[in-house]
PDB file of N, CA and C in Angstrom:
ATOM      1  N   UNK A   1       3.135 -49.092  22.240  1.00  0.00           N
ATOM      2  CA  UNK A   1       2.332 -47.966  22.574  1.00  0.00           C
ATOM      3  C   UNK A   1       0.848 -48.224  22.215  1.00  0.00           C
ATOM      4  N   UNK A   2       0.026 -47.854  23.078  1.00  0.00           N
ATOM      5  CA  UNK A   2      -1.391 -48.120  22.786  1.00  0.00           C
ATOM      6  C   UNK A   2      -2.001 -46.941  22.050  1.00  0.00           C
ATOM      7  N   UNK A   3      -3.143 -47.119  21.562  1.00  0.00           N
ATOM      8  CA  UNK A   3      -3.812 -46.123  20.755  1.00  0.00           C
ATOM      9  C   UNK A   3      -4.145 -44.842  21.516  1.00  0.00           C
ATOM     10  N   UNK A   4      -4.447 -44.926  22.763  1.00  0.00           N
ATOM     11  CA  UNK A   4      -4.751 -43.768  23.587  1.00  0.00           C
ATOM     12  C   UNK A   4      -3.522 -42.872  23.749  1.00  0.00           C
ATOM     13  N   UNK A   5      -2.355 -43.450  23.957  1.00  0.00           N
ATOM     14  CA  UNK A   5      -1.101 -42.685  24.116  1.00  0.00           C
ATOM     15  C   UNK A   5      -0.786 -41.965  22.803  1.00  0.00           C
ATOM     16  N   UNK A   6      -0.931 -42.636  21.674  1.00  0.00           N
ATOM     17  CA  UNK A   6      -0.681 -41.997  20.360  1.00  0.00           C
ATOM     18  C   UNK A   6      -1.634 -40.864  20.179  1.00  0.00           C
ATOM     19  N   UNK A   7      -2.897 -41.049  20.515  1.00  0.00           N
ATOM     20  CA  UNK A   7      -3.887 -40.010  20.399  1.00  0.00           C
ATOM     21  C   UNK A   7      -3.566 -38.764  21.275  1.00  0.00           C
ATOM     22  N   UNK A   8      -3.158 -39.004  22.534  1.00  0.00           N
ATOM     23  CA  UNK A   8      -2.754 -37.908  23.397  1.00  0.00           C
ATOM     24  C   UNK A   8      -1.538 -37.172  22.895  1.00  0.00           C
ATOM     25  N   UNK A   9      -0.530 -37.900  22.407  1.00  0.00           N
ATOM     26  CA  UNK A   9       0.699 -37.249  21.879  1.00  0.00           C
ATOM     27  C   UNK A   9       0.330 -36.396  20.677  1.00  0.00           C
ATOM     28  N   UNK A  10      -0.544 -36.932  19.826  1.00  0.00           N
ATOM     29  CA  UNK A  10      -1.008 -36.176  18.640  1.00  0.00           C
ATOM     30  C   UNK A  10      -1.693 -34.871  19.025  1.00  0.00           C
ATOM     31  N   UNK A  11      -2.526 -34.934  20.018  1.00  0.00           N
ATOM     32  CA  UNK A  11      -3.293 -33.736  20.450  1.00  0.00           C
ATOM     33  C   UNK A  11      -2.331 -32.740  21.033  1.00  0.00           C
ATOM     34  N   UNK A  12      -1.388 -33.160  21.835  1.00  0.00           N
ATOM     35  CA  UNK A  12      -0.410 -32.274  22.446  1.00  0.00           C
ATOM     36  C   UNK A  12       0.475 -31.596  21.362  1.00  0.00           C
ATOM     37  N   UNK A  13       0.909 -32.405  20.393  1.00  0.00           N
ATOM     38  CA  UNK A  13       1.709 -31.838  19.277  1.00  0.00           C
ATOM     39  C   UNK A  13       0.917 -30.812  18.489  1.00  0.00           C
ATOM     40  N   UNK A  14      -0.359 -31.145  18.214  1.00  0.00           N
ATOM     41  CA  UNK A  14      -1.218 -30.219  17.482  1.00  0.00           C
ATOM     42  C   UNK A  14      -1.401 -28.940  18.252  1.00  0.00           C
ATOM     43  N   UNK A  15      -1.603 -29.006  19.548  1.00  0.00           N
ATOM     44  CA  UNK A  15      -1.823 -27.820  20.390  1.00  0.00           C
ATOM     45  C   UNK A  15      -0.538 -26.986  20.363  1.00  0.00           C
ATOM     46  N   UNK A  16       0.605 -27.582  20.465  1.00  0.00           N
ATOM     47  CA  UNK A  16       1.866 -26.808  20.449  1.00  0.00           C
ATOM     48  C   UNK A  16       2.027 -26.102  19.128  1.00  0.00           C
ATOM     49  N   UNK A  17       1.759 -26.784  18.022  1.00  0.00           N
ATOM     50  CA  UNK A  17       1.889 -26.196  16.729  1.00  0.00           C
ATOM     51  C   UNK A  17       0.919 -24.991  16.552  1.00  0.00           C
ATOM     52  N   UNK A  18      -0.313 -25.164  17.013  1.00  0.00           N
ATOM     53  CA  UNK A  18      -1.300 -24.101  16.942  1.00  0.00           C
ATOM     54  C   UNK A  18      -0.889 -22.885  17.772  1.00  0.00           C
ATOM     55  N   UNK A  19      -0.348 -23.130  18.955  1.00  0.00           N
ATOM     56  CA  UNK A  19       0.059 -22.050  19.784  1.00  0.00           C
ATOM     57  C   UNK A  19       1.215 -21.300  19.127  1.00  0.00           C
ATOM     58  N   UNK A  20       2.195 -21.979  18.574  1.00  0.00           N
ATOM     59  CA  UNK A  20       3.316 -21.345  17.947  1.00  0.00           C
ATOM     60  C   UNK A  20       2.867 -20.576  16.678  1.00  0.00           C
ATOM     61  N   UNK A  21       2.115 -21.212  15.858  1.00  0.00           N
ATOM     62  CA  UNK A  21       1.699 -20.548  14.618  1.00  0.00           C
ATOM     63  C   UNK A  21       0.654 -19.455  14.894  1.00  0.00           C
ATOM     64  N   UNK A  22      -0.258 -19.676  15.824  1.00  0.00           N
ATOM     65  CA  UNK A  22      -1.300 -18.669  16.146  1.00  0.00           C
ATOM     66  C   UNK A  22      -0.679 -17.440  16.742  1.00  0.00           C
ATOM     67  N   UNK A  23       0.298 -17.526  17.598  1.00  0.00           N
ATOM     68  CA  UNK A  23       0.975 -16.371  18.169  1.00  0.00           C
ATOM     69  C   UNK A  23       1.686 -15.541  17.124  1.00  0.00           C
ATOM     70  N   UNK A  24       2.332 -16.223  16.202  1.00  0.00           N
ATOM     71  CA  UNK A  24       3.039 -15.488  15.138  1.00  0.00           C
ATOM     72  C   UNK A  24       2.054 -14.769  14.225  1.00  0.00           C
ATOM     73  N   UNK A  25       0.909 -15.356  13.961  1.00  0.00           N
ATOM     74  CA  UNK A  25      -0.074 -14.707  13.099  1.00  0.00           C
ATOM     75  C   UNK A  25      -0.637 -13.450  13.773  1.00  0.00           C
ATOM     76  N   UNK A  26      -0.878 -13.533  15.074  1.00  0.00           N
ATOM     77  CA  UNK A  26      -1.371 -12.372  15.779  1.00  0.00           C
ATOM     78  C   UNK A  26      -0.413 -11.197  15.725  1.00  0.00           C
ATOM     79  N   UNK A  27       0.871 -11.477  15.887  1.00  0.00           N
ATOM     80  CA  UNK A  27       1.864 -10.435  15.845  1.00  0.00           C
ATOM     81  C   UNK A  27       1.924  -9.892  14.422  1.00  0.00           C
ATOM     82  N   UNK A  28       1.888 -10.754  13.394  1.00  0.00           N
ATOM     83  CA  UNK A  28       1.923 -10.334  12.037  1.00  0.00           C
ATOM     84  C   UNK A  28       0.723  -9.471  11.702  1.00  0.00           C
ATOM     85  N   UNK A  29      -0.444  -9.858  12.153  1.00  0.00           N
ATOM     86  CA  UNK A  29      -1.667  -9.096  11.884  1.00  0.00           C
ATOM     87  C   UNK A  29      -1.593  -7.724  12.510  1.00  0.00           C
ATOM     88  N   UNK A  30      -1.069  -7.600  13.722  1.00  0.00           N
ATOM     89  CA  UNK A  30      -0.952  -6.307  14.336  1.00  0.00           C
ATOM     90  C   UNK A  30      -0.008  -5.401  13.540  1.00  0.00           C
ATOM     91  N   UNK A  31       1.112  -6.012  13.144  1.00  0.00           N
ATOM     92  CA  UNK A  31       2.104  -5.235  12.341  1.00  0.00           C
ATOM     93  C   UNK A  31       1.513  -4.861  11.003  1.00  0.00           C
ATOM     94  N   UNK A  32       0.802  -5.774  10.397  1.00  0.00           N
ATOM     95  CA  UNK A  32       0.181  -5.519   9.093  1.00  0.00           C
ATOM     96  C   UNK A  32      -0.870  -4.426   9.232  1.00  0.00           C
ATOM     97  N   UNK A  33      -1.644  -4.447  10.310  1.00  0.00           N
ATOM     98  CA  UNK A  33      -2.682  -3.421  10.516  1.00  0.00           C
ATOM     99  C   UNK A  33      -2.023  -2.035  10.629  1.00  0.00           C
ATOM    100  N   UNK A  34      -0.915  -1.986  11.376  1.00  0.00           N
ATOM    101  CA  UNK A  34      -0.205  -0.681  11.510  1.00  0.00           C
ATOM    102  C   UNK A  34       0.339  -0.234  10.189  1.00  0.00           C
ATOM    103  N   UNK A  35       0.910  -1.161   9.412  1.00  0.00           N
ATOM    104  CA  UNK A  35       1.407  -0.840   8.078  1.00  0.00           C
ATOM    105  C   UNK A  35       0.307  -0.369   7.163  1.00  0.00           C
ATOM    106  N   UNK A  36      -0.817  -1.086   7.215  1.00  0.00           N
ATOM    107  CA  UNK A  36      -1.963  -0.675   6.351  1.00  0.00           C
ATOM    108  C   UNK A  36      -2.496   0.717   6.739  1.00  0.00           C
ATOM    109  N   UNK A  37      -2.580   1.021   8.019  1.00  0.00           N
ATOM    110  CA  UNK A  37      -3.062   2.324   8.442  1.00  0.00           C
ATOM    111  C   UNK A  37      -2.076   3.417   7.950  1.00  0.00           C
ATOM    112  N   UNK A  38      -0.769   3.162   8.053  1.00  0.00           N
ATOM    113  CA  UNK A  38       0.187   4.119   7.573  1.00  0.00           C
ATOM    114  C   UNK A  38       0.077   4.328   6.074  1.00  0.00           C
ATOM    115  N   UNK A  39      -0.118   3.287   5.339  1.00  0.00           N
ATOM    116  CA  UNK A  39      -0.285   3.371   3.883  1.00  0.00           C
ATOM    117  C   UNK A  39      -1.567   4.114   3.522  1.00  0.00           C
ATOM    118  N   UNK A  40      -2.599   3.860   4.272  1.00  0.00           N
ATOM    119  CA  UNK A  40      -3.890   4.572   4.008  1.00  0.00           C
ATOM    120  C   UNK A  40      -3.706   6.067   4.223  1.00  0.00           C
ATOM    121  N   UNK A  41      -3.009   6.450   5.284  1.00  0.00           N
ATOM    122  CA  UNK A  41      -2.819   7.867   5.585  1.00  0.00           C
ATOM    123  C   UNK A  41      -1.965   8.509   4.455  1.00  0.00           C
ATOM    124  N   UNK A  42      -0.958   7.768   4.015  1.00  0.00           N
ATOM    125  CA  UNK A  42      -0.109   8.289   2.972  1.00  0.00           C
ATOM    126  C   UNK A  42      -0.890   8.440   1.629  1.00  0.00           C
ATOM    127  N   UNK A  43      -1.779   7.504   1.348  1.00  0.00           N
ATOM    128  CA  UNK A  43      -2.584   7.621   0.176  1.00  0.00           C
ATOM    129  C   UNK A  43      -3.523   8.799   0.259  1.00  0.00           C
ATOM    130  N   UNK A  44      -4.110   9.011   1.406  1.00  0.00           N
ATOM    131  CA  UNK A  44      -5.040  10.187   1.628  1.00  0.00           C
ATOM    132  C   UNK A  44      -4.238  11.468   1.379  1.00  0.00           C
ATOM    133  N   UNK A  45      -3.045  11.569   1.965  1.00  0.00           N
ATOM    134  CA  UNK A  45      -2.237  12.775   1.798  1.00  0.00           C
ATOM    135  C   UNK A  45      -1.882  12.998   0.336  1.00  0.00           C
ATOM    136  N   UNK A  46      -1.525  11.898  -0.351  1.00  0.00           N
ATOM    137  CA  UNK A  46      -1.180  12.068  -1.799  1.00  0.00           C
ATOM    138  C   UNK A  46      -2.410  12.480  -2.611  1.00  0.00           C
ATOM    139  N   UNK A  47      -3.576  11.949  -2.286  1.00  0.00           N
ATOM    140  CA  UNK A  47      -4.778  12.357  -3.011  1.00  0.00           C
ATOM    141  C   UNK A  47      -5.060  13.851  -2.835  1.00  0.00           C
ATOM    142  N   UNK A  48      -4.873  14.320  -1.586  1.00  0.00           N
ATOM    143  CA  UNK A  48      -5.063  15.725  -1.348  1.00  0.00           C
ATOM    144  C   UNK A  48      -4.106  16.575  -2.148  1.00  0.00           C
ATOM    145  N   UNK A  49      -2.858  16.153  -2.213  1.00  0.00           N
ATOM    146  CA  UNK A  49      -1.849  16.893  -3.001  1.00  0.00           C
ATOM    147  C   UNK A  49      -2.203  16.928  -4.480  1.00  0.00           C
ATOM    148  N   UNK A  50      -2.658  15.755  -4.989  1.00  0.00           N
ATOM    149  CA  UNK A  50      -3.042  15.683  -6.416  1.00  0.00           C
ATOM    150  C   UNK A  50      -4.213  16.618  -6.686  1.00  0.00           C
ATOM    151  N   UNK A  51      -5.210  16.617  -5.792  1.00  0.00           N
ATOM    152  CA  UNK A  51      -6.333  17.548  -5.951  1.00  0.00           C
ATOM    153  C   UNK A  51      -5.901  18.962  -6.038  1.00  0.00           C
ATOM    154  N   UNK A  52      -4.982  19.370  -5.147  1.00  0.00           N
ATOM    155  CA  UNK A  52      -4.457  20.741  -5.108  1.00  0.00           C
ATOM    156  C   UNK A  52      -3.772  21.037  -6.417  1.00  0.00           C
ATOM    157  N   UNK A  53      -2.885  20.141  -6.846  1.00  0.00           N
ATOM    158  CA  UNK A  53      -2.160  20.320  -8.092  1.00  0.00           C
ATOM    159  C   UNK A  53      -3.086  20.426  -9.298  1.00  0.00           C
ATOM    160  N   UNK A  54      -4.118  19.635  -9.331  1.00  0.00           N
ATOM    161  CA  UNK A  54      -5.103  19.701 -10.404  1.00  0.00           C
ATOM    162  C   UNK A  54      -5.809  21.050 -10.423  1.00  0.00           C
ATOM    163  N   UNK A  55      -6.142  21.568  -9.233  1.00  0.00           N
ATOM    164  CA  UNK A  55      -6.789  22.879  -9.151  1.00  0.00           C
ATOM    165  C   UNK A  55      -5.852  23.937  -9.675  1.00  0.00           C
ATOM    166  N   UNK A  56      -4.580  23.844  -9.315  1.00  0.00           N
ATOM    167  CA  UNK A  56      -3.597  24.867  -9.780  1.00  0.00           C
ATOM    168  C   UNK A  56      -3.462  24.819 -11.263  1.00  0.00           C
ATOM    169  N   UNK A  57      -3.269  23.613 -11.802  1.00  0.00           N
ATOM    170  CA  UNK A  57      -2.998  23.508 -13.233  1.00  0.00           C
ATOM    171  C   UNK A  57      -4.223  23.855 -14.065  1.00  0.00           C
ATOM    172  N   UNK A  58      -5.409  23.532 -13.607  1.00  0.00           N
ATOM    173  CA  UNK A  58      -6.619  23.848 -14.382  1.00  0.00           C
ATOM    174  C   UNK A  58      -7.110  25.296 -14.131  1.00  0.00           C
ATOM    175  N   UNK A  59      -6.491  26.018 -13.230  1.00  0.00           N
ATOM    176  CA  UNK A  59      -6.853  27.393 -12.936  1.00  0.00           C
ATOM    177  C   UNK A  59      -6.526  28.275 -14.165  1.00  0.00           C
ATOM    178  N   UNK A  60      -7.434  29.187 -14.504  1.00  0.00           N
ATOM    179  CA  UNK A  60      -7.193  30.047 -15.651  1.00  0.00           C
ATOM    180  C   UNK A  60      -6.004  30.985 -15.401  1.00  0.00           C
ATOM    181  N   UNK A  61      -5.804  31.429 -14.234  1.00  0.00           N
ATOM    182  CA  UNK A  61      -4.676  32.325 -13.881  1.00  0.00           C
ATOM    183  C   UNK A  61      -3.381  31.611 -14.140  1.00  0.00           C
ATOM    184  N   UNK A  62      -3.285  30.343 -13.795  1.00  0.00           N
ATOM    185  CA  UNK A  62      -2.054  29.605 -14.034  1.00  0.00           C
ATOM    186  C   UNK A  62      -1.767  29.527 -15.501  1.00  0.00           C
ATOM    187  N   UNK A  63      -2.743  29.276 -16.344  1.00  0.00           N
ATOM    188  CA  UNK A  63      -2.564  29.157 -17.771  1.00  0.00           C
ATOM    189  C   UNK A  63      -2.167  30.527 -18.330  1.00  0.00           C
ATOM    190  N   UNK A  64      -2.788  31.591 -17.836  1.00  0.00           N
ATOM    191  CA  UNK A  64      -2.434  32.931 -18.334  1.00  0.00           C
ATOM    192  C   UNK A  64      -1.010  33.264 -17.931  1.00  0.00           C
ATOM    193  N   UNK A  65      -0.589  32.948 -16.744  1.00  0.00           N
ATOM    194  CA  UNK A  65       0.773  33.239 -16.296  1.00  0.00           C
ATOM    195  C   UNK A  65       1.758  32.419 -17.170  1.00  0.00           C
ATOM    196  N   UNK A  66       1.398  31.194 -17.470  1.00  0.00           N
ATOM    197  CA  UNK A  66       2.296  30.388 -18.341  1.00  0.00           C
ATOM    198  C   UNK A  66       2.433  31.003 -19.715  1.00  0.00           C
ATOM    199  N   UNK A  67       1.332  31.542 -20.227  1.00  0.00           N
ATOM    200  CA  UNK A  67       1.372  32.163 -21.563  1.00  0.00           C
ATOM    201  C   UNK A  67       2.233  33.427 -21.482  1.00  0.00           C
ATOM    202  N   UNK A  68       2.102  34.226 -20.425  1.00  0.00           N
ATOM    203  CA  UNK A  68       2.969  35.406 -20.311  1.00  0.00           C
ATOM    204  C   UNK A  68       4.463  34.982 -20.232  1.00  0.00           C
ATOM    205  N   UNK A  69       4.738  33.934 -19.469  1.00  0.00           N
ATOM    206  CA  UNK A  69       6.087  33.443 -19.375  1.00  0.00           C
ATOM    207  C   UNK A  69       6.650  33.029 -20.713  1.00  0.00           C
ATOM    208  N   UNK A  70       5.833  32.379 -21.491  1.00  0.00           N
ATOM    209  CA  UNK A  70       6.241  31.948 -22.819  1.00  0.00           C
ATOM    210  C   UNK A  70       6.496  33.149 -23.732  1.00  0.00           C
ATOM    211  N   UNK A  71       5.664  34.193 -23.612  1.00  0.00           N
ATOM    212  CA  UNK A  71       5.863  35.387 -24.434  1.00  0.00           C
ATOM    213  C   UNK A  71       7.159  36.094 -24.024  1.00  0.00           C
ATOM    214  N   UNK A  72       7.449  36.135 -22.710  1.00  0.00           N
ATOM    215  CA  UNK A  72       8.641  36.736 -22.225  1.00  0.00           C
ATOM    216  C   UNK A  72       9.859  35.987 -22.759  1.00  0.00           C
ATOM    217  N   UNK A  73       9.783  34.674 -22.783  1.00  0.00           N
ATOM    218  CA  UNK A  73      10.928  33.853 -23.325  1.00  0.00           C
ATOM    219  C   UNK A  73      11.118  34.132 -24.783  1.00  0.00           C
ATOM    220  N   UNK A  74       9.978  34.255 -25.548  1.00  0.00           N
ATOM    221  CA  UNK A  74      10.113  34.495 -26.967  1.00  0.00           C
ATOM    222  C   UNK A  74      10.692  35.908 -27.256  1.00  0.00           C
ATOM    223  N   UNK A  75      10.318  36.916 -26.468  1.00  0.00           N
ATOM    224  CA  UNK A  75      10.838  38.262 -26.607  1.00  0.00           C
ATOM    225  C   UNK A  75      12.321  38.343 -26.266  1.00  0.00           C
ATOM    226  N   UNK A  76      12.734  37.594 -25.251  1.00  0.00           N
ATOM    227  CA  UNK A  76      14.112  37.590 -24.834  1.00  0.00           C
ATOM    228  C   UNK A  76      15.025  36.929 -25.853  1.00  0.00           C
ATOM    229  N   UNK A  77      14.522  35.999 -26.630  1.00  0.00           N
ATOM    230  CA  UNK A  77      15.332  35.262 -27.579  1.00  0.00           C
ATOM    231  C   UNK A  77      15.577  35.990 -28.824  1.00  0.00           C
TER     232      UNK A  77
END
């Protein structure tokens, strides 16, 4: 085999490997992007829920209601 034939076979093999690996990466990236978007939405929703729960727990009315509940439990016992 001459050097030109080896060079051509090498280029063809490299091109095939790049096509196979490149196509898989594109599919993986699309799937990863979809997964990342779903996770970002879930994190946003969880942050909103935490903010709401923080407002409820730090609200004075919530603390007062909890104190009344504790007094009722003490009186019932």
